[in-house]
Each structure stands twice: as C-alpha cells, then as structure tokens.
Amino acid sequence: MPFQETGRGPEDKVPVADPNDLLTPSDAARVLGLSPDSVRVLSDSGRLPAMRTVSGRRLFRRGDVDRLAAERALHAAMRAHPPLDGGIPPVPSDLVINGNGNGNGNGNGSSNGHKKA
C-alpha cells in the first residue's frame, strides 16, 4: 500500500506578512512583547513611527514594528552575552591547539593524553 502524502499543498502556503500592513497598538504590542501603553510611549518618543486615522487612532506599519522587534532582540542578546575586549570570546583551553596539531594540550603528540616514555 503506497504512503499517502498529508503535507500542505502549494495552495495552503502561509502568507508572508506585508511590511505595509497596518497594526493597532494592541497588535504592535503583541509583536513586540510589550503593553499597548509602552507602544504608545515608543511612538510618542519617535522610536516607532505611527500614522493617525481621521478619528485620531494610531496605526503602525508592520515593517516598522518588525524592525523595532529585531533591534530589541539584538540588544537583548547583546545584554545577555556582552562582547569581551575586542569582541572575540576566549578559546576554551581544551580547544587550544598546542602546535602538534592534535589539540590535546599535552604537547607530546599523543592523542590519549598520556606522555610518551
């Protein structure tokens, strides 16, 4: 009995978000992981551009919200793992190659960690 394919077909593809889609403060807050009030503060400070409807409601372009979300993620990652002097992390001692090419660190060329007699 042949296997039946159960995956999604090409007509069922998930649509990609258009960067020009407009989001409400609540929608933008959900994307950013913030409260709608925090999104309004970001808008008032100029960090998140907004448009206003005729009735005065704020709307945010999806592209602007995604850009800010990416910036916030990058800054969070930098805070969690700050670069050291020069930005290059130290190499763990067990990975340092000692010149003999085997990387075991004992300098005698033995791969088992024992010194040769």
N, C-alpha and C. Protein backbone atom coordinates (compact mmCIF):
# COMPACT_ATOMS: atom_id res chain seq x y z
N MET A 1 0.85 -1.18 0.00
CA MET A 1 0.00 0.00 0.00
C MET A 1 0.90 1.24 0.00
N PRO A 2 0.73 2.13 -0.95
CA PRO A 2 1.58 3.33 -1.02
C PRO A 2 1.22 4.31 0.09
N PHE A 3 2.24 5.11 0.49
CA PHE A 3 2.01 6.12 1.52
C PHE A 3 1.27 7.29 0.94
N GLN A 4 0.36 7.83 1.70
CA GLN A 4 -0.40 8.99 1.26
C GLN A 4 0.24 10.25 1.82
N GLU A 5 0.46 11.22 0.96
CA GLU A 5 1.06 12.47 1.38
C GLU A 5 0.04 13.29 2.14
N THR A 6 0.44 13.75 3.33
CA THR A 6 -0.51 14.51 4.15
C THR A 6 -0.06 15.95 4.38
N GLY A 7 1.04 16.37 3.77
CA GLY A 7 1.55 17.73 3.95
C GLY A 7 0.64 18.76 3.30
N ARG A 8 0.97 19.98 3.55
CA ARG A 8 0.20 21.08 2.97
C ARG A 8 0.58 21.24 1.50
N GLY A 9 -0.38 21.51 0.69
CA GLY A 9 -0.14 21.74 -0.73
C GLY A 9 0.26 23.18 -0.99
N PRO A 10 0.67 23.50 -2.22
CA PRO A 10 1.11 24.86 -2.53
C PRO A 10 0.01 25.89 -2.32
N GLU A 11 -1.25 25.49 -2.44
CA GLU A 11 -2.35 26.44 -2.27
C GLU A 11 -2.58 26.76 -0.80
N ASP A 12 -1.99 25.96 0.11
CA ASP A 12 -2.17 26.16 1.54
C ASP A 12 -1.00 26.89 2.20
N LYS A 13 -0.13 27.49 1.43
CA LYS A 13 1.05 28.16 2.00
C LYS A 13 0.63 29.28 2.93
N VAL A 14 1.42 29.45 3.99
CA VAL A 14 1.17 30.51 4.95
C VAL A 14 1.57 31.83 4.32
N PRO A 15 0.68 32.81 4.31
CA PRO A 15 1.03 34.08 3.67
C PRO A 15 2.10 34.82 4.46
N VAL A 16 2.99 35.48 3.74
CA VAL A 16 4.04 36.27 4.36
C VAL A 16 3.45 37.64 4.68
N ALA A 17 3.79 38.15 5.86
CA ALA A 17 3.25 39.45 6.28
C ALA A 17 3.80 40.55 5.39
N ASP A 18 2.91 41.40 4.93
CA ASP A 18 3.30 42.54 4.10
C ASP A 18 3.82 43.64 5.02
N PRO A 19 5.01 44.19 4.74
CA PRO A 19 5.54 45.24 5.62
C PRO A 19 4.68 46.49 5.65
N ASN A 20 3.77 46.63 4.69
CA ASN A 20 2.88 47.80 4.66
C ASN A 20 1.56 47.56 5.37
N ASP A 21 1.36 46.33 5.90
CA ASP A 21 0.15 46.07 6.70
C ASP A 21 0.14 47.03 7.88
N LEU A 22 -1.05 47.44 8.29
CA LEU A 22 -1.17 48.36 9.42
C LEU A 22 -1.61 47.61 10.66
N LEU A 23 -0.97 47.93 11.78
CA LEU A 23 -1.25 47.27 13.05
C LEU A 23 -1.76 48.29 14.07
N THR A 24 -2.68 47.85 14.90
CA THR A 24 -3.15 48.68 16.01
C THR A 24 -2.10 48.66 17.12
N PRO A 25 -2.21 49.55 18.09
CA PRO A 25 -1.27 49.48 19.22
C PRO A 25 -1.28 48.12 19.92
N SER A 26 -2.43 47.49 20.02
CA SER A 26 -2.51 46.16 20.65
C SER A 26 -1.78 45.11 19.82
N ASP A 27 -1.95 45.16 18.49
CA ASP A 27 -1.26 44.22 17.61
C ASP A 27 0.25 44.43 17.68
N ALA A 28 0.68 45.69 17.63
CA ALA A 28 2.11 46.00 17.70
C ALA A 28 2.67 45.55 19.05
N ALA A 29 1.91 45.73 20.11
CA ALA A 29 2.36 45.32 21.44
C ALA A 29 2.57 43.82 21.50
N ARG A 30 1.69 43.07 20.86
CA ARG A 30 1.80 41.61 20.84
C ARG A 30 3.08 41.19 20.13
N VAL A 31 3.41 41.84 19.00
CA VAL A 31 4.62 41.52 18.24
C VAL A 31 5.86 41.87 19.05
N LEU A 32 5.83 43.00 19.75
CA LEU A 32 6.99 43.49 20.48
C LEU A 32 7.13 42.89 21.88
N GLY A 33 6.08 42.24 22.36
CA GLY A 33 6.12 41.70 23.71
C GLY A 33 6.02 42.79 24.77
N LEU A 34 5.29 43.84 24.45
CA LEU A 34 5.11 44.99 25.35
C LEU A 34 3.63 45.23 25.59
N SER A 35 3.33 46.19 26.42
CA SER A 35 1.94 46.60 26.61
C SER A 35 1.58 47.64 25.56
N PRO A 36 0.29 47.79 25.25
CA PRO A 36 -0.10 48.85 24.30
C PRO A 36 0.33 50.24 24.77
N ASP A 37 0.32 50.49 26.09
CA ASP A 37 0.78 51.78 26.60
C ASP A 37 2.26 51.99 26.30
N SER A 38 3.08 50.94 26.43
CA SER A 38 4.50 51.06 26.11
C SER A 38 4.71 51.36 24.63
N VAL A 39 3.87 50.77 23.79
CA VAL A 39 3.95 51.04 22.35
C VAL A 39 3.62 52.51 22.08
N ARG A 40 2.65 53.05 22.78
CA ARG A 40 2.31 54.47 22.62
C ARG A 40 3.48 55.36 23.05
N VAL A 41 4.16 54.98 24.12
CA VAL A 41 5.33 55.74 24.58
C VAL A 41 6.43 55.70 23.51
N LEU A 42 6.66 54.53 22.93
CA LEU A 42 7.64 54.41 21.86
C LEU A 42 7.27 55.29 20.68
N SER A 43 5.98 55.37 20.39
CA SER A 43 5.51 56.22 19.31
C SER A 43 5.71 57.69 19.65
N ASP A 44 5.35 58.09 20.86
CA ASP A 44 5.50 59.48 21.28
C ASP A 44 6.97 59.92 21.28
N SER A 45 7.88 58.98 21.59
CA SER A 45 9.31 59.32 21.65
C SER A 45 9.96 59.29 20.27
N GLY A 46 9.22 58.83 19.25
CA GLY A 46 9.76 58.79 17.90
C GLY A 46 10.48 57.51 17.54
N ARG A 47 10.56 56.55 18.47
CA ARG A 47 11.25 55.29 18.17
C ARG A 47 10.42 54.37 17.29
N LEU A 48 9.10 54.58 17.26
CA LEU A 48 8.21 53.77 16.42
C LEU A 48 7.27 54.72 15.68
N PRO A 49 7.52 54.92 14.38
CA PRO A 49 6.66 55.83 13.61
C PRO A 49 5.22 55.34 13.58
N ALA A 50 4.30 56.29 13.63
CA ALA A 50 2.87 55.95 13.61
C ALA A 50 2.14 56.86 12.65
N MET A 51 1.03 56.36 12.16
CA MET A 51 0.10 57.17 11.36
C MET A 51 -1.14 57.35 12.21
N ARG A 52 -1.88 58.37 11.93
CA ARG A 52 -3.13 58.61 12.66
C ARG A 52 -4.30 58.53 11.67
N THR A 53 -5.36 57.90 12.12
CA THR A 53 -6.58 57.88 11.32
C THR A 53 -7.27 59.22 11.49
N VAL A 54 -8.32 59.44 10.73
CA VAL A 54 -9.09 60.68 10.83
C VAL A 54 -9.62 60.84 12.25
N SER A 55 -9.96 59.72 12.88
CA SER A 55 -10.50 59.78 14.25
C SER A 55 -9.40 59.89 15.31
N GLY A 56 -8.12 59.86 14.89
CA GLY A 56 -7.02 60.04 15.82
C GLY A 56 -6.38 58.76 16.32
N ARG A 57 -6.85 57.60 15.88
CA ARG A 57 -6.24 56.33 16.31
C ARG A 57 -4.88 56.15 15.66
N ARG A 58 -3.94 55.58 16.39
CA ARG A 58 -2.61 55.29 15.84
C ARG A 58 -2.63 53.97 15.10
N LEU A 59 -1.90 53.94 14.00
CA LEU A 59 -1.67 52.71 13.27
C LEU A 59 -0.18 52.64 12.95
N PHE A 60 0.37 51.44 13.02
CA PHE A 60 1.79 51.24 12.81
C PHE A 60 2.02 50.33 11.61
N ARG A 61 2.99 50.67 10.77
CA ARG A 61 3.35 49.80 9.65
C ARG A 61 4.02 48.55 10.20
N ARG A 62 3.64 47.40 9.68
CA ARG A 62 4.21 46.11 10.10
C ARG A 62 5.74 46.13 9.98
N GLY A 63 6.26 46.72 8.91
CA GLY A 63 7.70 46.78 8.71
C GLY A 63 8.41 47.55 9.81
N ASP A 64 7.81 48.65 10.28
CA ASP A 64 8.40 49.43 11.36
C ASP A 64 8.39 48.65 12.67
N VAL A 65 7.30 47.94 12.92
CA VAL A 65 7.18 47.13 14.14
C VAL A 65 8.19 45.98 14.10
N ASP A 66 8.30 45.30 12.96
CA ASP A 66 9.25 44.19 12.83
C ASP A 66 10.69 44.68 12.99
N ARG A 67 11.00 45.85 12.43
CA ARG A 67 12.35 46.42 12.56
C ARG A 67 12.67 46.68 14.03
N LEU A 68 11.73 47.29 14.75
CA LEU A 68 11.95 47.57 16.16
C LEU A 68 12.06 46.27 16.97
N ALA A 69 11.27 45.27 16.62
CA ALA A 69 11.34 43.97 17.31
C ALA A 69 12.72 43.35 17.10
N ALA A 70 13.27 43.44 15.89
CA ALA A 70 14.60 42.90 15.60
C ALA A 70 15.67 43.67 16.38
N GLU A 71 15.55 44.99 16.45
CA GLU A 71 16.51 45.80 17.21
C GLU A 71 16.47 45.42 18.69
N ARG A 72 15.26 45.25 19.22
CA ARG A 72 15.12 44.90 20.64
C ARG A 72 15.71 43.51 20.91
N ALA A 73 15.51 42.57 19.99
CA ALA A 73 16.07 41.23 20.15
C ALA A 73 17.59 41.27 20.12
N LEU A 74 18.15 42.08 19.23
CA LEU A 74 19.61 42.21 19.14
C LEU A 74 20.17 42.81 20.43
N HIS A 75 19.53 43.86 20.92
CA HIS A 75 20.00 44.49 22.15
C HIS A 75 19.88 43.55 23.35
N ALA A 76 18.81 42.76 23.38
CA ALA A 76 18.64 41.78 24.47
C ALA A 76 19.74 40.73 24.40
N ALA A 77 20.08 40.28 23.20
CA ALA A 77 21.14 39.29 23.04
C ALA A 77 22.49 39.87 23.44
N MET A 78 22.72 41.13 23.10
CA MET A 78 23.99 41.77 23.46
C MET A 78 24.10 41.94 24.98
N ARG A 79 22.97 42.23 25.64
CA ARG A 79 22.99 42.35 27.10
C ARG A 79 23.24 41.00 27.75
N ALA A 80 22.68 39.95 27.17
CA ALA A 80 22.83 38.61 27.73
C ALA A 80 24.23 38.06 27.51
N HIS A 81 24.87 38.43 26.40
CA HIS A 81 26.20 37.94 26.05
C HIS A 81 27.06 39.10 25.57
N PRO A 82 27.50 39.96 26.49
CA PRO A 82 28.30 41.12 26.06
C PRO A 82 29.64 40.69 25.50
N PRO A 83 30.13 41.38 24.47
CA PRO A 83 31.44 41.04 23.92
C PRO A 83 32.54 41.41 24.91
N LEU A 84 33.62 40.65 24.90
CA LEU A 84 34.76 40.94 25.75
C LEU A 84 35.68 41.92 25.03
N ASP A 85 36.84 42.19 25.58
CA ASP A 85 37.79 43.10 24.94
C ASP A 85 37.99 42.69 23.48
N GLY A 86 37.72 43.59 22.59
CA GLY A 86 37.88 43.30 21.17
C GLY A 86 36.73 42.52 20.57
N GLY A 87 35.80 42.07 21.39
CA GLY A 87 34.62 41.39 20.88
C GLY A 87 34.82 39.93 20.54
N ILE A 88 36.01 39.37 20.77
CA ILE A 88 36.26 37.97 20.45
C ILE A 88 36.32 37.19 21.74
N PRO A 89 35.46 36.18 21.91
CA PRO A 89 35.47 35.42 23.16
C PRO A 89 36.73 34.57 23.27
N PRO A 90 37.18 34.26 24.50
CA PRO A 90 38.37 33.42 24.67
C PRO A 90 38.08 32.00 24.21
N VAL A 91 39.13 31.33 23.74
CA VAL A 91 39.00 29.95 23.30
C VAL A 91 39.18 29.05 24.52
N PRO A 92 38.26 28.12 24.77
CA PRO A 92 38.41 27.21 25.90
C PRO A 92 39.73 26.45 25.80
N SER A 93 40.38 26.19 26.94
CA SER A 93 41.71 25.57 26.94
C SER A 93 41.70 24.18 26.32
N ASP A 94 40.58 23.47 26.37
CA ASP A 94 40.56 22.14 25.77
C ASP A 94 40.48 22.18 24.25
N LEU A 95 40.28 23.38 23.69
CA LEU A 95 40.24 23.51 22.24
C LEU A 95 41.49 24.17 21.67
N VAL A 96 42.39 24.60 22.54
CA VAL A 96 43.60 25.27 22.08
C VAL A 96 44.53 24.23 21.48
N ILE A 97 44.97 24.50 20.26
CA ILE A 97 45.92 23.59 19.61
C ILE A 97 47.31 23.99 20.05
N ASN A 98 48.08 23.03 20.52
CA ASN A 98 49.37 23.32 21.14
C ASN A 98 50.54 23.27 20.17
N GLY A 99 50.29 23.24 18.90
CA GLY A 99 51.39 23.23 17.94
C GLY A 99 51.63 21.87 17.33
N ASN A 100 51.19 20.81 17.98
CA ASN A 100 51.40 19.49 17.40
C ASN A 100 50.21 19.06 16.54
N GLY A 101 49.19 19.88 16.53
CA GLY A 101 48.07 19.63 15.63
C GLY A 101 46.99 18.73 16.17
N ASN A 102 47.21 18.11 17.36
CA ASN A 102 46.17 17.20 17.83
C ASN A 102 45.20 17.85 18.79
N GLY A 103 45.55 19.01 19.32
CA GLY A 103 44.62 19.74 20.16
C GLY A 103 44.41 19.16 21.53
N ASN A 104 45.25 18.17 21.95
CA ASN A 104 45.02 17.58 23.26
C ASN A 104 45.69 18.36 24.38
N GLY A 105 46.54 19.28 24.05
CA GLY A 105 47.12 20.16 25.04
C GLY A 105 48.29 19.60 25.82
N ASN A 106 48.69 18.34 25.58
CA ASN A 106 49.81 17.83 26.38
C ASN A 106 51.15 17.98 25.67
N GLY A 107 51.16 18.37 24.42
CA GLY A 107 52.39 18.72 23.73
C GLY A 107 53.25 17.56 23.29
N ASN A 108 52.85 16.31 23.50
CA ASN A 108 53.71 15.19 23.11
C ASN A 108 53.19 14.45 21.88
N GLY A 109 52.12 14.92 21.31
CA GLY A 109 51.60 14.28 20.10
C GLY A 109 50.73 13.08 20.36
N SER A 110 50.58 12.71 21.60
CA SER A 110 49.75 11.56 21.93
C SER A 110 48.29 11.98 21.95
N SER A 111 47.44 11.17 21.37
CA SER A 111 46.03 11.52 21.35
C SER A 111 45.28 10.96 22.55
N ASN A 112 45.93 10.12 23.38
CA ASN A 112 45.24 9.53 24.50
C ASN A 112 45.47 10.30 25.82
N GLY A 113 46.28 11.36 25.77
CA GLY A 113 46.52 12.16 26.95
C GLY A 113 47.64 11.67 27.82
N HIS A 114 48.31 10.55 27.47
CA HIS A 114 49.43 10.04 28.24
C HIS A 114 50.73 10.49 27.61
N LYS A 115 51.72 10.76 28.45
CA LYS A 115 53.03 11.17 27.95
C LYS A 115 53.77 9.93 27.44
N LYS A 116 54.57 10.16 26.39
CA LYS A 116 55.39 9.07 25.86
C LYS A 116 56.61 8.87 26.76
N ALA A 117 57.05 7.61 26.85
CA ALA A 117 58.21 7.32 27.70
C ALA A 117 59.51 7.58 26.98
